[in-house]
Amino acid sequence: MFKPALLLLALCLLILPSSAFSAGKGKGCFTAAELTAEREVRHGIFLREASRLCQGRFLADSAKSWDSFEQTNGARFRAAVARRAKAWKREFPKDWQVKQTHADGAIVTYARNYSVESAFCTKIEARLKEISKRGYAAFTNQTRMIRNEVAEDYKTCP
């Protein structure tokens, strides 16, 4: 009598989808703090790539300027990356890393294939100078220009 019940339980466990055992269901949206983290990470990726593209072509120290800013604000960047990862894990539990890598890769590909002209590098230089002088608050302020892009990609929690 005990063995058939155990066998039935084992069969049920094999048949159930793996999502039945996940930690929980996502919210179906991102909080304001998570969207801010997403914007900060995206903007950081873009500025890193753009500073490297302009380095030596039109700007002498753009990569060094970005690296210095990133090092100075490492704790804030790590916090944004952690907040972002937590949201992605919640919303895409099965393949969050694949989806996040794809999203980041799209930003890198876009930045690396941008037409590098003097005007583009001048804008990057202005952004780097601003964040170097005014700090992380200026960086966060710059991220608001990509707010609509992030808001279009992810539903905002009420």
Protein backbone atom coordinates (compact mmCIF):
# COMPACT_ATOMS: atom_id res chain seq x y z
CA MET A 1 0.00 0.00 0.00
CA PHE A 2 2.83 2.41 0.84
CA LYS A 3 4.80 1.69 -2.34
CA PRO A 4 2.06 2.63 -4.84
CA ALA A 5 1.56 5.99 -3.09
CA LEU A 6 5.30 6.65 -3.19
CA LEU A 7 5.42 5.68 -6.85
CA LEU A 8 2.50 8.00 -7.63
CA LEU A 9 4.23 10.87 -5.83
CA ALA A 10 7.44 10.24 -7.75
CA LEU A 11 5.58 10.24 -11.08
CA CYS A 12 3.82 13.49 -10.19
CA LEU A 13 7.13 15.13 -9.36
CA LEU A 14 8.57 14.06 -12.71
CA ILE A 15 5.56 15.30 -14.66
CA LEU A 16 5.21 18.70 -12.98
CA PRO A 17 6.99 21.52 -14.79
CA SER A 18 10.05 22.93 -13.10
CA SER A 19 8.27 26.27 -12.75
CA ALA A 20 6.02 24.64 -10.15
CA PHE A 21 9.04 24.51 -7.85
CA SER A 22 10.25 28.06 -8.43
CA ALA A 23 10.67 30.42 -5.51
CA GLY A 24 7.56 32.36 -6.49
CA LYS A 25 5.79 34.19 -9.21
CA GLY A 26 7.15 37.49 -10.42
CA LYS A 27 5.25 40.73 -9.97
CA GLY A 28 4.99 41.27 -13.72
CA CYS A 29 6.52 44.70 -13.26
CA PHE A 30 9.57 46.57 -11.97
CA THR A 31 9.53 48.98 -9.04
CA ALA A 32 10.72 52.57 -9.39
CA ALA A 33 13.99 51.67 -7.61
CA GLU A 34 14.52 48.70 -9.94
CA LEU A 35 13.89 50.87 -13.01
CA THR A 36 16.38 53.43 -11.69
CA ALA A 37 18.95 50.65 -11.26
CA GLU A 38 18.23 49.43 -14.79
CA ARG A 39 18.78 52.94 -16.18
CA GLU A 40 22.02 53.35 -14.23
CA VAL A 41 23.42 50.04 -15.40
CA ARG A 42 22.46 50.70 -19.03
CA HIS A 43 23.91 54.21 -18.99
CA GLY A 44 27.09 52.94 -17.36
CA ILE A 45 27.52 50.29 -20.04
CA PHE A 46 26.95 52.86 -22.77
CA LEU A 47 29.36 55.43 -21.33
CA ARG A 48 32.02 52.78 -20.80
CA GLU A 49 31.80 51.62 -24.39
CA ALA A 50 31.52 55.14 -25.83
CA SER A 51 34.52 56.37 -23.82
CA ARG A 52 36.58 53.51 -25.22
CA LEU A 53 35.45 54.22 -28.77
CA CYS A 54 36.44 57.87 -28.53
CA GLN A 55 39.73 57.13 -26.76
CA GLY A 56 42.62 58.08 -29.00
CA ARG A 57 40.43 59.05 -31.94
CA PHE A 58 38.97 62.29 -30.68
CA LEU A 59 39.60 62.25 -26.92
CA ALA A 60 42.85 61.69 -25.10
CA ASP A 61 41.66 60.42 -21.72
CA SER A 62 38.02 59.41 -22.06
CA ALA A 63 38.53 55.78 -21.03
CA LYS A 64 40.66 56.86 -18.08
CA SER A 65 37.99 59.37 -17.06
CA TRP A 66 35.27 56.70 -17.12
CA ASP A 67 37.42 54.14 -15.30
CA SER A 68 38.17 56.68 -12.57
CA PHE A 69 34.49 57.52 -12.14
CA GLU A 70 33.55 53.84 -12.08
CA GLN A 71 36.20 53.08 -9.47
CA THR A 72 35.18 56.02 -7.28
CA ASN A 73 31.52 54.95 -7.40
CA GLY A 74 32.03 51.21 -7.33
CA ALA A 75 29.79 50.63 -4.30
CA ARG A 76 26.89 52.46 -5.94
CA PHE A 77 27.35 50.57 -9.19
CA ARG A 78 27.48 47.25 -7.34
CA ALA A 79 24.27 48.18 -5.50
CA ALA A 80 22.53 49.05 -8.78
CA VAL A 81 23.73 45.82 -10.40
CA ALA A 82 22.53 43.78 -7.40
CA ARG A 83 19.11 45.50 -7.36
CA ARG A 84 18.77 44.92 -11.08
CA ALA A 85 19.78 41.25 -10.83
CA LYS A 86 17.28 40.66 -8.03
CA ALA A 87 14.47 42.07 -10.18
CA TRP A 88 15.51 40.03 -13.23
CA LYS A 89 15.73 36.85 -11.12
CA ARG A 90 12.23 37.48 -9.81
CA GLU A 91 10.69 38.27 -13.19
CA PHE A 92 12.56 35.74 -15.32
CA PRO A 93 13.46 32.90 -12.91
CA LYS A 94 14.27 30.29 -15.55
CA ASP A 95 16.63 32.25 -17.78
CA TRP A 96 17.26 35.65 -16.21
CA GLN A 97 21.00 35.56 -16.95
CA VAL A 98 20.46 34.82 -20.64
CA LYS A 99 17.92 37.62 -20.95
CA GLN A 100 20.08 40.08 -19.03
CA THR A 101 23.18 39.18 -21.08
CA HIS A 102 21.16 39.69 -24.25
CA ALA A 103 19.95 43.12 -23.08
CA ASP A 104 23.47 44.19 -22.07
CA GLY A 105 24.90 42.84 -25.31
CA ALA A 106 22.44 44.90 -27.32
CA ILE A 107 23.70 48.06 -25.58
CA VAL A 108 27.33 47.11 -26.17
CA THR A 109 26.66 46.28 -29.83
CA TYR A 110 24.81 49.56 -30.33
CA ALA A 111 27.58 51.58 -28.68
CA ARG A 112 30.38 49.81 -30.53
CA ASN A 113 28.70 50.25 -33.89
CA TYR A 114 27.77 53.88 -33.38
CA SER A 115 29.20 56.17 -36.02
CA VAL A 116 32.14 57.66 -34.15
CA GLU A 117 32.38 61.27 -35.20
CA SER A 118 33.82 64.31 -33.53
CA ALA A 119 30.36 65.54 -32.47
CA PHE A 120 29.55 62.21 -30.78
CA CYS A 121 32.81 62.21 -28.84
CA THR A 122 32.33 65.84 -27.87
CA LYS A 123 28.99 64.88 -26.28
CA ILE A 124 30.60 61.93 -24.50
CA GLU A 125 33.38 64.20 -23.27
CA ALA A 126 30.81 66.66 -21.89
CA ARG A 127 28.99 63.85 -20.06
CA LEU A 128 32.23 62.49 -18.62
CA LYS A 129 33.33 65.95 -17.47
CA GLU A 130 29.96 66.55 -15.85
CA ILE A 131 29.98 63.32 -13.85
CA SER A 132 33.64 63.80 -12.94
CA LYS A 133 32.88 67.23 -11.48
CA ARG A 134 29.40 66.69 -10.02
CA GLY A 135 29.56 63.00 -9.09
CA TYR A 136 27.00 60.24 -9.01
CA ALA A 137 24.05 62.62 -8.75
CA ALA A 138 24.97 64.01 -12.17
CA PHE A 139 25.30 60.49 -13.52
CA THR A 140 21.85 59.58 -12.18
CA ASN A 141 20.48 62.77 -13.71
CA GLN A 142 21.95 61.78 -17.08
CA THR A 143 20.15 58.43 -16.89
CA ARG A 144 16.80 60.19 -17.02
CA MET A 145 17.31 60.77 -20.74
CA ILE A 146 16.92 57.01 -21.30
CA ARG A 147 13.99 56.78 -18.90
CA ASN A 148 11.46 56.34 -21.70
CA GLU A 149 13.46 53.52 -23.25
CA VAL A 150 13.57 51.64 -19.93
CA ALA A 151 9.93 52.43 -19.17
CA GLU A 152 8.95 51.04 -22.58
CA ASP A 153 10.90 47.83 -21.99
CA TYR A 154 9.48 47.08 -18.53
CA LYS A 155 6.10 47.66 -16.97
CA THR A 156 6.26 49.94 -13.93
CA CYS A 157 4.67 48.60 -10.75
CA PRO A 158 1.75 50.71 -9.51
